Amino acid sequence: MMAQYPLEHEPVKPADAASRPGPVVLLDNIRSAWNVGAIFRSADGFGFSGLHLCGITPNPENEAVKKTSIGAENNLPWQVHPNALVAAQTLLKSGYTLLALELTEDAIPLPRLATFPLPKKIALVLGSEVCGVDPEILARCQHKLYIPMRGQKRSFNVAVAFAVAAYELMRA
C-alpha cells in the first residue's frame, strides 16, 4: 500500500493550454513511444500546460504511449507537428522562450536556472535519443541547458532527463 501524502495544492483538472499555467514541451523526433508516454506522465505531474509532438514522435494514438502515460495523455493538450522547426518558430511568435536541454559548448548547468529570472512562457525543447535537438532549432533557443553528471555516461534517457529538467523548472 502506498503512503498517502497531503497535496500542496488541488489537482489541476484537464483544460486547454491557455487556461492552464506552466511551460510546454516540444519533442523533436523522439523515437520511443515508451519515452513519450513517460514524458506525458511527468509533464502532467510537474504542471506543464501542453506537449508539441514533432516529426516522428509518437502520439497518444500509439498504444505504448497510452500504456506508459497511464491516462496523463487525457489531462494535457497535445499537438502533432510534422516539422519541429516550424513548431518552434510558431512558439517563438507566440511569445515563448525556448530552452533546449542539450549539451553544447554554450550550455549552462541546469541548476543555475534558479539564479536568473524566467519568462512566463517557456517551451522546453528535447531532441531525438540519437541525434539530440536539431541544430536549426538549437540556433533559435534562447538558452541551452545541460544536466551535470558524475558518471561515465554523458547523457540520461530522454524521459529521465525531461523529468529532471521539469523538476528544476518547477523549483525556479
Protein backbone atom coordinates (compact mmCIF):
# COMPACT_ATOMS: atom_id res chain seq x y z
CA MET A 1 0.00 0.00 0.00
CA MET A 2 1.34 3.42 -0.96
CA ALA A 3 1.64 6.08 1.69
CA GLN A 4 -0.77 8.96 1.29
CA TYR A 5 0.77 12.41 1.41
CA PRO A 6 -1.20 15.64 1.65
CA LEU A 7 -1.34 17.64 -1.57
CA GLU A 8 0.22 21.08 -1.58
CA HIS A 9 -2.49 22.16 -3.98
CA GLU A 10 -5.63 20.85 -5.57
CA PRO A 11 -5.06 18.72 -8.67
CA VAL A 12 -5.47 20.61 -11.92
CA LYS A 13 -8.44 19.47 -13.95
CA PRO A 14 -7.86 18.87 -17.67
CA ALA A 15 -8.09 22.10 -19.60
CA ASP A 16 -6.81 23.74 -22.69
CA ALA A 17 -3.27 25.14 -22.64
CA ALA A 18 -4.45 28.75 -22.48
CA SER A 19 -6.16 28.23 -19.12
CA ARG A 20 -3.50 26.03 -17.54
CA PRO A 21 -0.35 27.77 -16.34
CA GLY A 22 3.01 26.17 -16.86
CA PRO A 23 5.58 25.55 -19.54
CA VAL A 24 5.10 23.46 -22.65
CA VAL A 25 7.45 20.84 -24.05
CA LEU A 26 8.47 20.42 -27.67
CA LEU A 27 9.62 16.89 -28.52
CA ASP A 28 11.82 16.86 -31.63
CA ASN A 29 11.80 13.42 -33.29
CA ILE A 30 11.69 11.28 -30.14
CA ARG A 31 11.72 7.67 -31.37
CA SER A 32 10.46 5.67 -28.40
CA ALA A 33 6.75 5.59 -27.63
CA TRP A 34 7.66 4.47 -24.10
CA ASN A 35 9.74 7.62 -23.61
CA VAL A 36 6.92 9.80 -24.94
CA GLY A 37 4.44 8.16 -22.57
CA ALA A 38 6.79 8.71 -19.63
CA ILE A 39 7.23 12.36 -20.66
CA PHE A 40 3.44 12.81 -20.76
CA ARG A 41 3.20 11.42 -17.25
CA SER A 42 5.99 13.63 -15.91
CA ALA A 43 4.66 16.70 -17.76
CA ASP A 44 1.30 16.22 -16.08
CA GLY A 45 2.92 15.72 -12.68
CA PHE A 46 5.06 18.84 -12.97
CA GLY A 47 2.23 21.08 -14.20
CA PHE A 48 3.14 21.53 -17.84
CA SER A 49 0.42 23.06 -19.98
CA GLY A 50 0.88 21.03 -23.15
CA LEU A 51 3.07 18.98 -25.46
CA HIS A 52 4.14 19.55 -29.05
CA LEU A 53 4.92 16.23 -30.72
CA CYS A 54 7.09 16.82 -33.76
CA GLY A 55 8.39 14.78 -36.67
CA ILE A 56 8.42 11.05 -35.93
CA THR A 57 7.49 11.49 -32.26
CA PRO A 58 4.69 9.02 -31.45
CA ASN A 59 1.42 10.49 -30.17
CA PRO A 60 -1.19 9.11 -27.74
CA GLU A 61 -2.91 7.20 -30.51
CA ASN A 62 0.04 4.79 -30.11
CA GLU A 63 -0.81 2.08 -27.56
CA ALA A 64 2.67 2.18 -25.97
CA VAL A 65 2.30 5.93 -25.32
CA LYS A 66 -1.12 5.34 -23.71
CA LYS A 67 0.13 2.44 -21.61
CA THR A 68 3.16 4.31 -20.27
CA SER A 69 1.38 7.61 -19.66
CA ILE A 70 -1.36 5.87 -17.65
CA GLY A 71 -4.01 8.42 -18.62
CA ALA A 72 -1.85 11.55 -18.45
CA GLU A 73 -2.44 11.99 -22.19
CA ASN A 74 -6.06 12.81 -21.28
CA ASN A 75 -5.01 15.55 -18.85
CA LEU A 76 -2.81 17.59 -21.18
CA PRO A 77 -3.43 19.21 -24.53
CA TRP A 78 -1.09 17.95 -27.23
CA GLN A 79 -0.49 18.79 -30.86
CA VAL A 80 1.22 16.89 -33.65
CA HIS A 81 3.54 18.88 -35.91
CA PRO A 82 5.18 17.34 -38.99
CA ASN A 83 8.08 19.81 -38.71
CA ALA A 84 9.72 20.69 -35.37
CA LEU A 85 11.38 23.82 -36.75
CA VAL A 86 8.03 25.25 -37.84
CA ALA A 87 6.57 24.37 -34.42
CA ALA A 88 9.49 26.10 -32.66
CA GLN A 89 9.07 29.22 -34.83
CA THR A 90 5.33 29.27 -34.05
CA LEU A 91 6.07 29.08 -30.32
CA LEU A 92 8.57 31.93 -30.63
CA LYS A 93 6.00 34.07 -32.48
CA SER A 94 3.54 33.32 -29.67
CA GLY A 95 5.95 34.78 -27.11
CA TYR A 96 7.58 31.60 -25.79
CA THR A 97 11.19 31.46 -24.70
CA LEU A 98 12.81 28.27 -25.99
CA LEU A 99 15.05 26.37 -23.58
CA ALA A 100 16.85 23.38 -25.10
CA LEU A 101 18.00 20.50 -22.97
CA GLU A 102 21.21 19.77 -24.87
CA LEU A 103 24.91 19.58 -24.05
CA THR A 104 26.53 22.27 -26.19
CA GLU A 105 29.62 24.46 -25.73
CA ASP A 106 27.45 27.36 -24.56
CA ALA A 107 25.06 25.31 -22.39
CA ILE A 108 24.61 26.26 -18.77
CA PRO A 109 24.19 23.76 -15.92
CA LEU A 110 20.50 23.12 -15.24
CA PRO A 111 20.75 24.02 -11.51
CA ARG A 112 21.79 27.57 -12.49
CA LEU A 113 18.30 28.01 -13.95
CA ALA A 114 17.13 29.06 -10.49
CA THR A 115 19.57 32.01 -10.48
CA PHE A 116 18.05 34.05 -13.28
CA PRO A 117 14.54 35.35 -13.89
CA LEU A 118 12.45 33.16 -16.12
CA PRO A 119 9.80 34.40 -18.51
CA LYS A 120 6.20 33.31 -18.04
CA LYS A 121 6.00 31.42 -21.34
CA ILE A 122 8.62 28.69 -21.55
CA ALA A 123 8.96 25.89 -24.08
CA LEU A 124 11.39 23.16 -23.05
CA VAL A 125 12.87 21.53 -26.17
CA LEU A 126 14.10 17.93 -26.16
CA GLY A 127 15.62 16.13 -29.12
CA SER A 128 15.98 12.68 -30.51
CA GLU A 129 17.52 9.99 -28.33
CA VAL A 130 20.19 9.51 -31.02
CA CYS A 131 20.85 12.94 -32.57
CA GLY A 132 19.63 15.42 -29.95
CA VAL A 133 17.92 18.69 -30.81
CA ASP A 134 18.06 19.71 -34.46
CA PRO A 135 20.80 22.37 -34.94
CA GLU A 136 18.35 24.75 -36.67
CA ILE A 137 16.10 24.61 -33.61
CA LEU A 138 19.07 24.97 -31.24
CA ALA A 139 20.00 28.18 -33.04
CA ARG A 140 16.59 29.61 -32.12
CA CYS A 141 16.74 28.62 -28.44
CA GLN A 142 17.48 31.46 -26.06
CA HIS A 143 19.26 29.11 -23.65
CA LYS A 144 20.78 25.66 -23.81
CA LEU A 145 20.81 23.68 -20.57
CA TYR A 146 22.61 20.54 -19.52
CA ILE A 147 22.33 18.20 -16.55
CA PRO A 148 25.66 17.88 -14.73
CA MET A 149 26.68 14.22 -14.49
CA ARG A 150 29.32 12.43 -12.42
CA GLY A 151 29.42 9.00 -14.06
CA GLN A 152 30.94 7.80 -17.30
CA LYS A 153 27.83 8.32 -19.44
CA ARG A 154 27.32 11.76 -20.97
CA SER A 155 23.53 11.70 -21.07
CA PHE A 156 20.39 10.38 -19.42
CA ASN A 157 17.48 8.65 -21.11
CA VAL A 158 15.36 11.43 -22.66
CA ALA A 159 12.37 10.73 -20.39
CA VAL A 160 14.57 10.80 -17.29
CA ALA A 161 16.29 13.98 -18.48
CA PHE A 162 12.90 15.60 -19.06
CA ALA A 163 11.77 14.75 -15.51
CA VAL A 164 14.96 16.22 -14.03
CA ALA A 165 14.59 19.40 -16.09
CA ALA A 166 10.87 19.68 -15.34
CA TYR A 167 11.62 19.47 -11.62
CA GLU A 168 14.24 22.21 -11.89
CA LEU A 169 11.80 24.40 -13.85
CA MET A 170 9.19 23.88 -11.16
CA ARG A 171 11.69 24.96 -8.47
CA ALA A 172 12.99 28.00 -10.36
